[in-house]
Every structure is written in structure tokens, then in C-alpha cells.
Amino acid sequence: MEFKDKVALVTGGGTGIGKATSIALARRGAVVVVNYSRSESDAEETVWAILEEGGQAVAIQADVSRDQEVRRIIERFGAVDLLVNNASITRHIPFSDLDAATDEVWDELFNVNVKGMFNCARAAAPYLKQSPAGAIVNLGSIAGQTGLGSSLPYAVSKAAVHGLTKSLARALAPEIRVNCIVPGAVATRWWEGREEQMNRLAPHLPLQRISTPEDIAAMICAALEQKAMTGQIITVDSGQTL
């Protein structure tokens, strides 16, 4: 797969799946815009890793939940060929503690996880329509399929991302393809402090392994390239949801 000189915006591109995706796209020739909200040092480290390999990348700060900030970074480049809506947040709240799922928690998670993806898609759409490679990949989660996860609001927000993907695929066709990659457990810093739990999970999965960020990045790149696919929700979870 080659994305030579295509401009790729990766939200939350400094860490975990976002970092792996930024590096994978750069290796395929893309000019990568590594977006971050608070993790400036991580984003700069990702850019440096790309530059060291001879790729092209720049780190740009923007809160995806704020429409004007998103429009500012896209207008700065004047072109977007590929959009990876990866930025997401969560709160760890026991499902049985309904009172802890406050308005603040719901608003925070939906503003970033759902509205943030919509904001980026809306701002990028005019540019993506002008590109023969125009494509969006949203990052969902098996939490949105199973109803389980780090918190009830998080699971519901990811279910909304899956729905958003299908609606955007219809709204932006035929010029822009929109698909969703749905990871299961992935070895990222989201498991920080719970590594033992992650290691206990692995032997019980059909493939007996936890996905790596690179596994997910490879599927993101494949979905961005596939010209005959849109509106699809693709699960990559080592068989976790079988």
C-alpha cells in the first residue's frame, strides 16, 4: 500500500494506536499530521521517530471537541486526503454505580469520542472530496458491541461511533469512504496498572494473544486503501467477541 505525498491527519496521533498508525502511514509515503490535545511530548516523539526514518510529519495541537480548533488545523494545510479519527477518552467507573455516570462524564466522553469525530469529518470533508484517495477511518471498540468496558458512558459512546460511521458513509458517498476499525484488548497505556489483568486475558482468547497497536494500525491502513468498501464495522480482537 502506498500513500505517497498524501496528507493524513491522525487524531490522538502521539500515543498507542495513533502513534503506530502515524508511523505506518509515514512508512507508506504519507505526510502525517500528528494531532494531540495534551500529550505534546508524545506527539513530538512520534514526529521525531518518523523524521528519523526519512518520513514527513508535524505535530499540531487541537481539542477535537472544539470545532474551530479542528477547522484551524485543517485549513492550515489546505489539503487532507486521509483522516483517522482515533482520539478518544474514558473514565473508569463500575457499571453498577449509575450515580457516578454524571452529566459531566457523559458530556466529556461524547464531546470527544463522538462529536469530536464528527467535527473532524465535517471540517475535512471539502478537502477529502477533492482527493481521489479520500477516506476516513473511525476507531470504535468492542465495548460498543458488547456493552462492556471501562464505563457505561464509554461503551455507549463507542456504539455511537459505530452508528456515526454508517451515517457518514451514506452522507459522504460516493467521493469519501468511511469505515470503522473495532479493536478488542490492545496493549497500550490504557492498561497501565492493569497489566496482570491483560496477561490473564490473553490465554483465554482464541488466538491467545493481545493485539498490538501495530496490528490495529495495519488494519487502519488497509481500510484507508480499500476502494470498494464503505460503512463497514471491522472487528480486530483476537477472537475476543466470538
C-alpha atoms as a PDB file:
ATOM      1  CA  MET A   1       0.000   0.000   0.000  1.00  0.00           C
ATOM      2  CA  GLU A   2       1.318   3.406  -0.965  1.00  0.00           C
ATOM      3  CA  PHE A   3       0.062   6.813   0.147  1.00  0.00           C
ATOM      4  CA  LYS A   4       2.901   8.803  -1.379  1.00  0.00           C
ATOM      5  CA  ASP A   5       2.566  12.524  -0.660  1.00  0.00           C
ATOM      6  CA  LYS A   6      -0.994  12.121   0.602  1.00  0.00           C
ATOM      7  CA  VAL A   7      -1.799  14.254   3.674  1.00  0.00           C
ATOM      8  CA  ALA A   8      -3.020  12.084   6.560  1.00  0.00           C
ATOM      9  CA  LEU A   9      -4.495  13.580   9.731  1.00  0.00           C
ATOM     10  CA  VAL A  10      -4.333  11.227  12.719  1.00  0.00           C
ATOM     11  CA  THR A  11      -6.133  12.497  15.813  1.00  0.00           C
ATOM     12  CA  GLY A  12      -4.648  11.382  19.095  1.00  0.00           C
ATOM     13  CA  GLY A  13      -1.634  10.501  16.976  1.00  0.00           C
ATOM     14  CA  GLY A  14       1.052  10.693  19.640  1.00  0.00           C
ATOM     15  CA  THR A  15       0.402   7.522  21.628  1.00  0.00           C
ATOM     16  CA  GLY A  16      -0.758   3.929  21.328  1.00  0.00           C
ATOM     17  CA  ILE A  17      -2.764   3.085  18.230  1.00  0.00           C
ATOM     18  CA  GLY A  18      -2.460   6.681  16.991  1.00  0.00           C
ATOM     19  CA  LYS A  19       1.322   6.570  17.159  1.00  0.00           C
ATOM     20  CA  ALA A  20       1.527   3.198  15.416  1.00  0.00           C
ATOM     21  CA  THR A  21      -0.839   4.446  12.710  1.00  0.00           C
ATOM     22  CA  SER A  22       1.099   7.680  12.189  1.00  0.00           C
ATOM     23  CA  ILE A  23       4.324   5.713  11.728  1.00  0.00           C
ATOM     24  CA  ALA A  24       2.670   3.134   9.446  1.00  0.00           C
ATOM     25  CA  LEU A  25       1.210   5.840   7.200  1.00  0.00           C
ATOM     26  CA  ALA A  26       4.527   7.692   7.038  1.00  0.00           C
ATOM     27  CA  ARG A  27       6.284   4.474   6.002  1.00  0.00           C
ATOM     28  CA  ARG A  28       3.785   4.234   3.159  1.00  0.00           C
ATOM     29  CA  GLY A  29       4.731   7.708   1.965  1.00  0.00           C
ATOM     30  CA  ALA A  30       2.063   9.894   3.596  1.00  0.00           C
ATOM     31  CA  VAL A  31       2.709  13.332   5.047  1.00  0.00           C
ATOM     32  CA  VAL A  32       1.360  12.830   8.562  1.00  0.00           C
ATOM     33  CA  VAL A  33      -0.297  15.480  10.725  1.00  0.00           C
ATOM     34  CA  VAL A  34       0.010  14.130  14.271  1.00  0.00           C
ATOM     35  CA  ASN A  35      -2.771  15.737  16.268  1.00  0.00           C
ATOM     36  CA  TYR A  36      -2.686  15.890  20.057  1.00  0.00           C
ATOM     37  CA  SER A  37      -4.717  17.583  22.770  1.00  0.00           C
ATOM     38  CA  ARG A  38      -2.464  17.434  25.836  1.00  0.00           C
ATOM     39  CA  SER A  39       0.320  14.937  25.039  1.00  0.00           C
ATOM     40  CA  GLU A  40       2.696  17.336  23.282  1.00  0.00           C
ATOM     41  CA  SER A  41       5.885  15.473  24.207  1.00  0.00           C
ATOM     42  CA  ASP A  42       4.423  12.164  22.978  1.00  0.00           C
ATOM     43  CA  ALA A  43       3.344  13.740  19.692  1.00  0.00           C
ATOM     44  CA  GLU A  44       6.757  15.316  19.156  1.00  0.00           C
ATOM     45  CA  GLU A  45       8.375  11.960  19.900  1.00  0.00           C
ATOM     46  CA  THR A  46       6.187  10.329  17.247  1.00  0.00           C
ATOM     47  CA  VAL A  47       7.129  13.015  14.734  1.00  0.00           C
ATOM     48  CA  TRP A  48      10.806  12.553  15.549  1.00  0.00           C
ATOM     49  CA  ALA A  49      10.523   8.784  15.013  1.00  0.00           C
ATOM     50  CA  ILE A  50       9.009   9.433  11.576  1.00  0.00           C
ATOM     51  CA  LEU A  51      11.622  12.026  10.620  1.00  0.00           C
ATOM     52  CA  GLU A  52      14.430   9.689  11.664  1.00  0.00           C
ATOM     53  CA  GLU A  53      13.141   7.147   9.149  1.00  0.00           C
ATOM     54  CA  GLY A  54      13.088   9.775   6.402  1.00  0.00           C
ATOM     55  CA  GLY A  55       9.347  10.413   6.545  1.00  0.00           C
ATOM     56  CA  GLN A  56       7.376  13.644   6.764  1.00  0.00           C
ATOM     57  CA  ALA A  57       5.334  14.646   9.800  1.00  0.00           C
ATOM     58  CA  VAL A  58       4.341  17.551  12.001  1.00  0.00           C
ATOM     59  CA  ALA A  59       2.644  17.723  15.418  1.00  0.00           C
ATOM     60  CA  ILE A  60      -0.377  20.006  15.770  1.00  0.00           C
ATOM     61  CA  GLN A  61      -2.358  20.736  18.948  1.00  0.00           C
ATOM     62  CA  ALA A  62      -6.151  20.824  18.824  1.00  0.00           C
ATOM     63  CA  ASP A  63      -9.007  19.677  21.018  1.00  0.00           C
ATOM     64  CA  VAL A  64     -11.229  17.697  18.633  1.00  0.00           C
ATOM     65  CA  SER A  65     -14.302  18.504  20.709  1.00  0.00           C
ATOM     66  CA  ARG A  66     -13.875  22.166  19.697  1.00  0.00           C
ATOM     67  CA  ASP A  67     -14.991  22.692  16.118  1.00  0.00           C
ATOM     68  CA  GLN A  68     -12.989  25.873  15.497  1.00  0.00           C
ATOM     69  CA  GLU A  69      -9.753  24.271  16.654  1.00  0.00           C
ATOM     70  CA  VAL A  70     -10.300  21.372  14.266  1.00  0.00           C
ATOM     71  CA  ARG A  71     -11.062  23.704  11.362  1.00  0.00           C
ATOM     72  CA  ARG A  72      -7.938  25.733  12.134  1.00  0.00           C
ATOM     73  CA  ILE A  73      -5.536  22.823  11.786  1.00  0.00           C
ATOM     74  CA  ILE A  74      -7.158  21.540   8.602  1.00  0.00           C
ATOM     75  CA  GLU A  75      -7.281  24.961   6.966  1.00  0.00           C
ATOM     76  CA  ARG A  76      -3.630  25.451   7.858  1.00  0.00           C
ATOM     77  CA  PHE A  77      -2.660  22.624   5.488  1.00  0.00           C
ATOM     78  CA  GLY A  78      -5.300  23.283   2.861  1.00  0.00           C
ATOM     79  CA  ALA A  79      -5.460  19.600   1.973  1.00  0.00           C
ATOM     80  CA  VAL A  80      -6.454  16.358   3.639  1.00  0.00           C
ATOM     81  CA  ASP A  81      -6.528  13.027   1.802  1.00  0.00           C
ATOM     82  CA  LEU A  82      -6.870  10.622   4.726  1.00  0.00           C
ATOM     83  CA  LEU A  83      -8.454  11.071   8.157  1.00  0.00           C
ATOM     84  CA  VAL A  84      -8.001   8.685  11.080  1.00  0.00           C
ATOM     85  CA  ASN A  85     -10.396   9.570  13.892  1.00  0.00           C
ATOM     86  CA  ASN A  86      -8.508   7.930  16.739  1.00  0.00           C
ATOM     87  CA  ALA A  87      -8.740  10.432  19.614  1.00  0.00           C
ATOM     88  CA  SER A  88     -10.827   9.034  22.477  1.00  0.00           C
ATOM     89  CA  ILE A  89     -11.050   9.306  26.246  1.00  0.00           C
ATOM     90  CA  THR A  90     -12.642   7.270  29.004  1.00  0.00           C
ATOM     91  CA  ARG A  91     -13.467   7.187  32.687  1.00  0.00           C
ATOM     92  CA  HIS A  92     -13.131   4.008  34.740  1.00  0.00           C
ATOM     93  CA  ILE A  93     -16.477   3.652  36.531  1.00  0.00           C
ATOM     94  CA  PRO A  94     -18.106   0.438  37.806  1.00  0.00           C
ATOM     95  CA  PHE A  95     -21.175  -0.326  35.693  1.00  0.00           C
ATOM     96  CA  SER A  96     -23.315  -0.780  38.787  1.00  0.00           C
ATOM     97  CA  ASP A  97     -22.519   2.750  40.010  1.00  0.00           C
ATOM     98  CA  LEU A  98     -25.064   4.632  37.904  1.00  0.00           C
ATOM     99  CA  ASP A  99     -24.775   7.743  40.063  1.00  0.00           C
ATOM    100  CA  ALA A 100     -21.108   8.087  39.114  1.00  0.00           C
ATOM    101  CA  ALA A 101     -22.119   8.438  35.451  1.00  0.00           C
ATOM    102  CA  THR A 102     -22.791  12.144  35.888  1.00  0.00           C
ATOM    103  CA  ASP A 103     -23.759  14.696  33.263  1.00  0.00           C
ATOM    104  CA  GLU A 104     -20.141  15.860  33.294  1.00  0.00           C
ATOM    105  CA  VAL A 105     -18.889  12.348  32.444  1.00  0.00           C
ATOM    106  CA  TRP A 106     -21.464  11.835  29.675  1.00  0.00           C
ATOM    107  CA  ASP A 107     -20.755  15.231  28.128  1.00  0.00           C
ATOM    108  CA  GLU A 108     -16.971  14.832  28.323  1.00  0.00           C
ATOM    109  CA  LEU A 109     -16.926  11.404  26.673  1.00  0.00           C
ATOM    110  CA  PHE A 110     -19.481  12.211  23.990  1.00  0.00           C
ATOM    111  CA  ASN A 111     -17.866  15.552  23.168  1.00  0.00           C
ATOM    112  CA  VAL A 112     -14.539  13.872  22.391  1.00  0.00           C
ATOM    113  CA  ASN A 113     -15.460  10.338  21.328  1.00  0.00           C
ATOM    114  CA  VAL A 114     -18.463  11.127  19.138  1.00  0.00           C
ATOM    115  CA  LYS A 115     -18.785  14.842  18.403  1.00  0.00           C
ATOM    116  CA  GLY A 116     -15.006  15.071  18.036  1.00  0.00           C
ATOM    117  CA  MET A 117     -15.059  12.518  15.229  1.00  0.00           C
ATOM    118  CA  PHE A 118     -17.971  14.305  13.577  1.00  0.00           C
ATOM    119  CA  ASN A 119     -16.189  17.672  13.890  1.00  0.00           C
ATOM    120  CA  CYS A 120     -13.100  16.281  12.150  1.00  0.00           C
ATOM    121  CA  ALA A 121     -15.100  14.589   9.397  1.00  0.00           C
ATOM    122  CA  ARG A 122     -17.150  17.731   8.746  1.00  0.00           C
ATOM    123  CA  ALA A 123     -14.117  20.007   8.623  1.00  0.00           C
ATOM    124  CA  ALA A 124     -12.131  17.638   6.402  1.00  0.00           C
ATOM    125  CA  ALA A 125     -14.969  16.697   4.032  1.00  0.00           C
ATOM    126  CA  PRO A 126     -14.480  19.521   1.475  1.00  0.00           C
ATOM    127  CA  TYR A 127     -10.809  18.586   1.120  1.00  0.00           C
ATOM    128  CA  LEU A 128     -11.371  14.818   1.149  1.00  0.00           C
ATOM    129  CA  LYS A 129     -13.912  15.182  -1.679  1.00  0.00           C
ATOM    130  CA  GLN A 130     -11.219  16.740  -3.848  1.00  0.00           C
ATOM    131  CA  SER A 131      -8.855  13.807  -3.309  1.00  0.00           C
ATOM    132  CA  PRO A 132      -9.008  10.580  -5.332  1.00  0.00           C
ATOM    133  CA  ALA A 133      -7.890   8.811  -2.139  1.00  0.00           C
ATOM    134  CA  GLY A 134     -10.428  10.460   0.182  1.00  0.00           C
ATOM    135  CA  ALA A 135     -11.144   8.142   3.113  1.00  0.00           C
ATOM    136  CA  ILE A 136     -11.956   8.212   6.825  1.00  0.00           C
ATOM    137  CA  VAL A 137     -11.384   5.513   9.427  1.00  0.00           C
ATOM    138  CA  ASN A 138     -13.038   5.873  12.828  1.00  0.00           C
ATOM    139  CA  LEU A 139     -11.800   3.925  15.848  1.00  0.00           C
ATOM    140  CA  GLY A 140     -14.574   2.099  17.610  1.00  0.00           C
ATOM    141  CA  SER A 141     -14.329  -0.521  20.335  1.00  0.00           C
ATOM    142  CA  ILE A 142     -15.768  -3.911  21.172  1.00  0.00           C
ATOM    143  CA  ALA A 143     -17.218  -2.052  24.172  1.00  0.00           C
ATOM    144  CA  GLY A 144     -19.684  -0.584  21.692  1.00  0.00           C
ATOM    145  CA  GLN A 145     -20.691  -4.086  20.593  1.00  0.00           C
ATOM    146  CA  THR A 146     -20.760  -5.919  23.923  1.00  0.00           C
ATOM    147  CA  GLY A 147     -21.925  -3.112  26.227  1.00  0.00           C
ATOM    148  CA  LEU A 148     -18.947  -3.837  28.472  1.00  0.00           C
ATOM    149  CA  GLY A 149     -15.831  -1.751  29.013  1.00  0.00           C
ATOM    150  CA  SER A 150     -14.218   0.832  31.232  1.00  0.00           C
ATOM    151  CA  SER A 151     -17.542   2.548  31.929  1.00  0.00           C
ATOM    152  CA  LEU A 152     -21.141   2.589  30.763  1.00  0.00           C
ATOM    153  CA  PRO A 153     -20.859   6.029  29.102  1.00  0.00           C
ATOM    154  CA  TYR A 154     -17.713   4.888  27.270  1.00  0.00           C
ATOM    155  CA  ALA A 155     -19.416   1.778  25.894  1.00  0.00           C
ATOM    156  CA  VAL A 156     -22.392   3.821  24.730  1.00  0.00           C
ATOM    157  CA  SER A 157     -20.123   6.436  23.129  1.00  0.00           C
ATOM    158  CA  LYS A 158     -18.377   3.737  21.100  1.00  0.00           C
ATOM    159  CA  ALA A 159     -21.698   2.271  19.987  1.00  0.00           C
ATOM    160  CA  ALA A 160     -22.478   5.781  18.765  1.00  0.00           C
ATOM    161  CA  VAL A 161     -19.196   5.836  16.827  1.00  0.00           C
ATOM    162  CA  HIS A 162     -20.271   2.677  15.008  1.00  0.00           C
ATOM    163  CA  GLY A 163     -23.562   4.353  14.095  1.00  0.00           C
ATOM    164  CA  LEU A 164     -21.793   7.561  13.107  1.00  0.00           C
ATOM    165  CA  THR A 165     -19.608   5.575  10.720  1.00  0.00           C
ATOM    166  CA  LYS A 166     -22.597   4.193   8.829  1.00  0.00           C
ATOM    167  CA  SER A 167     -24.341   7.574   8.692  1.00  0.00           C
ATOM    168  CA  LEU A 168     -21.209   9.361   7.462  1.00  0.00           C
ATOM    169  CA  ALA A 169     -20.626   6.646   4.864  1.00  0.00           C
ATOM    170  CA  ARG A 170     -24.037   7.445   3.416  1.00  0.00           C
ATOM    171  CA  ALA A 171     -23.687  11.214   3.777  1.00  0.00           C
ATOM    172  CA  LEU A 172     -20.243  11.438   2.152  1.00  0.00           C
ATOM    173  CA  ALA A 173     -20.582   8.859  -0.634  1.00  0.00           C
ATOM    174  CA  PRO A 174     -19.511   8.475  -3.358  1.00  0.00           C
ATOM    175  CA  GLU A 175     -16.440  10.673  -3.007  1.00  0.00           C
ATOM    176  CA  ILE A 176     -15.378   9.672   0.532  1.00  0.00           C
ATOM    177  CA  ARG A 177     -15.213   6.179   2.003  1.00  0.00           C
ATOM    178  CA  VAL A 178     -15.897   5.866   5.755  1.00  0.00           C
ATOM    179  CA  ASN A 179     -15.158   2.713   7.755  1.00  0.00           C
ATOM    180  CA  CYS A 180     -14.619   1.777  11.386  1.00  0.00           C
ATOM    181  CA  ILE A 181     -11.963  -0.452  12.952  1.00  0.00           C
ATOM    182  CA  VAL A 182     -13.126  -2.014  16.214  1.00  0.00           C
ATOM    183  CA  PRO A 183     -10.269  -3.181  18.456  1.00  0.00           C
ATOM    184  CA  GLY A 184     -10.608  -5.528  21.376  1.00  0.00           C
ATOM    185  CA  ALA A 185      -7.943  -5.510  24.076  1.00  0.00           C
ATOM    186  CA  VAL A 186      -4.822  -3.748  22.803  1.00  0.00           C
ATOM    187  CA  ALA A 187      -1.515  -3.460  24.656  1.00  0.00           C
ATOM    188  CA  THR A 188      -1.458   0.311  25.155  1.00  0.00           C
ATOM    189  CA  ARG A 189      -1.102   2.605  28.144  1.00  0.00           C
ATOM    190  CA  TRP A 190      -4.862   2.276  28.756  1.00  0.00           C
ATOM    191  CA  TRP A 191      -3.869  -0.941  30.531  1.00  0.00           C
ATOM    192  CA  GLU A 192      -1.331   0.871  32.723  1.00  0.00           C
ATOM    193  CA  GLY A 193      -1.551  -0.569  36.224  1.00  0.00           C
ATOM    194  CA  ARG A 194      -3.668  -3.460  34.984  1.00  0.00           C
ATOM    195  CA  GLU A 195      -1.028  -5.368  33.034  1.00  0.00           C
ATOM    196  CA  GLU A 196      -1.598  -8.500  35.107  1.00  0.00           C
ATOM    197  CA  GLN A 197      -5.276  -8.477  34.146  1.00  0.00           C
ATOM    198  CA  MET A 198      -4.321  -8.118  30.478  1.00  0.00           C
ATOM    199  CA  ASN A 199      -1.868 -11.027  30.709  1.00  0.00           C
ATOM    200  CA  ARG A 200      -4.525 -13.214  32.332  1.00  0.00           C
ATOM    201  CA  LEU A 201      -6.922 -12.434  29.489  1.00  0.00           C
ATOM    202  CA  ALA A 202      -4.597 -13.454  26.652  1.00  0.00           C
ATOM    203  CA  PRO A 203      -4.650 -17.280  27.160  1.00  0.00           C
ATOM    204  CA  HIS A 204      -8.458 -17.260  27.086  1.00  0.00           C
ATOM    205  CA  LEU A 205      -8.684 -15.622  23.646  1.00  0.00           C
ATOM    206  CA  PRO A 206      -8.979 -17.912  20.597  1.00  0.00           C
ATOM    207  CA  LEU A 207      -5.680 -16.547  19.234  1.00  0.00           C
ATOM    208  CA  GLN A 208      -4.152 -16.451  22.735  1.00  0.00           C
ATOM    209  CA  ARG A 209      -2.628 -13.018  22.231  1.00  0.00           C
ATOM    210  CA  ILE A 210      -3.415  -9.399  22.957  1.00  0.00           C
ATOM    211  CA  SER A 211      -3.416  -7.199  19.861  1.00  0.00           C
ATOM    212  CA  THR A 212      -0.579  -4.719  19.458  1.00  0.00           C
ATOM    213  CA  PRO A 213      -1.027  -1.129  18.280  1.00  0.00           C
ATOM    214  CA  GLU A 214       0.761  -2.201  15.096  1.00  0.00           C
ATOM    215  CA  ASP A 215      -1.909  -4.867  14.459  1.00  0.00           C
ATOM    216  CA  ILE A 216      -4.611  -2.220  14.563  1.00  0.00           C
ATOM    217  CA  ALA A 217      -2.561   0.255  12.518  1.00  0.00           C
ATOM    218  CA  ALA A 218      -2.184  -2.318   9.746  1.00  0.00           C
ATOM    219  CA  MET A 219      -5.959  -2.740   9.552  1.00  0.00           C
ATOM    220  CA  ILE A 220      -6.484   1.023   9.554  1.00  0.00           C
ATOM    221  CA  CYS A 221      -4.139   1.360   6.586  1.00  0.00           C
ATOM    222  CA  ALA A 222      -5.916  -1.477   4.779  1.00  0.00           C
ATOM    223  CA  ALA A 223      -9.307   0.167   5.308  1.00  0.00           C
ATOM    224  CA  LEU A 224      -7.996   3.509   4.081  1.00  0.00           C
ATOM    225  CA  GLU A 225      -6.751   1.867   0.901  1.00  0.00           C
ATOM    226  CA  GLN A 226      -9.726  -0.388   0.065  1.00  0.00           C
ATOM    227  CA  LYS A 227     -11.679   1.462  -2.628  1.00  0.00           C
ATOM    228  CA  ALA A 228     -14.633  -0.940  -2.734  1.00  0.00           C
ATOM    229  CA  MET A 229     -15.620  -0.702   0.930  1.00  0.00           C
ATOM    230  CA  THR A 230     -17.555   1.843   2.951  1.00  0.00           C
ATOM    231  CA  GLY A 231     -19.783   1.845   6.024  1.00  0.00           C
ATOM    232  CA  GLN A 232     -18.150  -1.281   7.431  1.00  0.00           C
ATOM    233  CA  ILE A 233     -17.533  -2.075  11.104  1.00  0.00           C
ATOM    234  CA  ILE A 234     -14.445  -4.316  11.201  1.00  0.00           C
ATOM    235  CA  THR A 235     -13.565  -6.112  14.442  1.00  0.00           C
ATOM    236  CA  VAL A 236      -9.913  -6.873  15.244  1.00  0.00           C
ATOM    237  CA  ASP A 237      -9.857  -8.589  18.646  1.00  0.00           C
ATOM    238  CA  SER A 238      -8.007 -11.939  18.503  1.00  0.00           C
ATOM    239  CA  GLY A 239     -11.417 -13.584  18.652  1.00  0.00           C
ATOM    240  CA  GLN A 240     -12.416 -11.908  21.924  1.00  0.00           C
ATOM    241  CA  THR A 241     -16.055 -11.432  20.885  1.00  0.00           C
ATOM    242  CA  LEU A 242     -16.570 -14.903  19.382  1.00  0.00           C
END
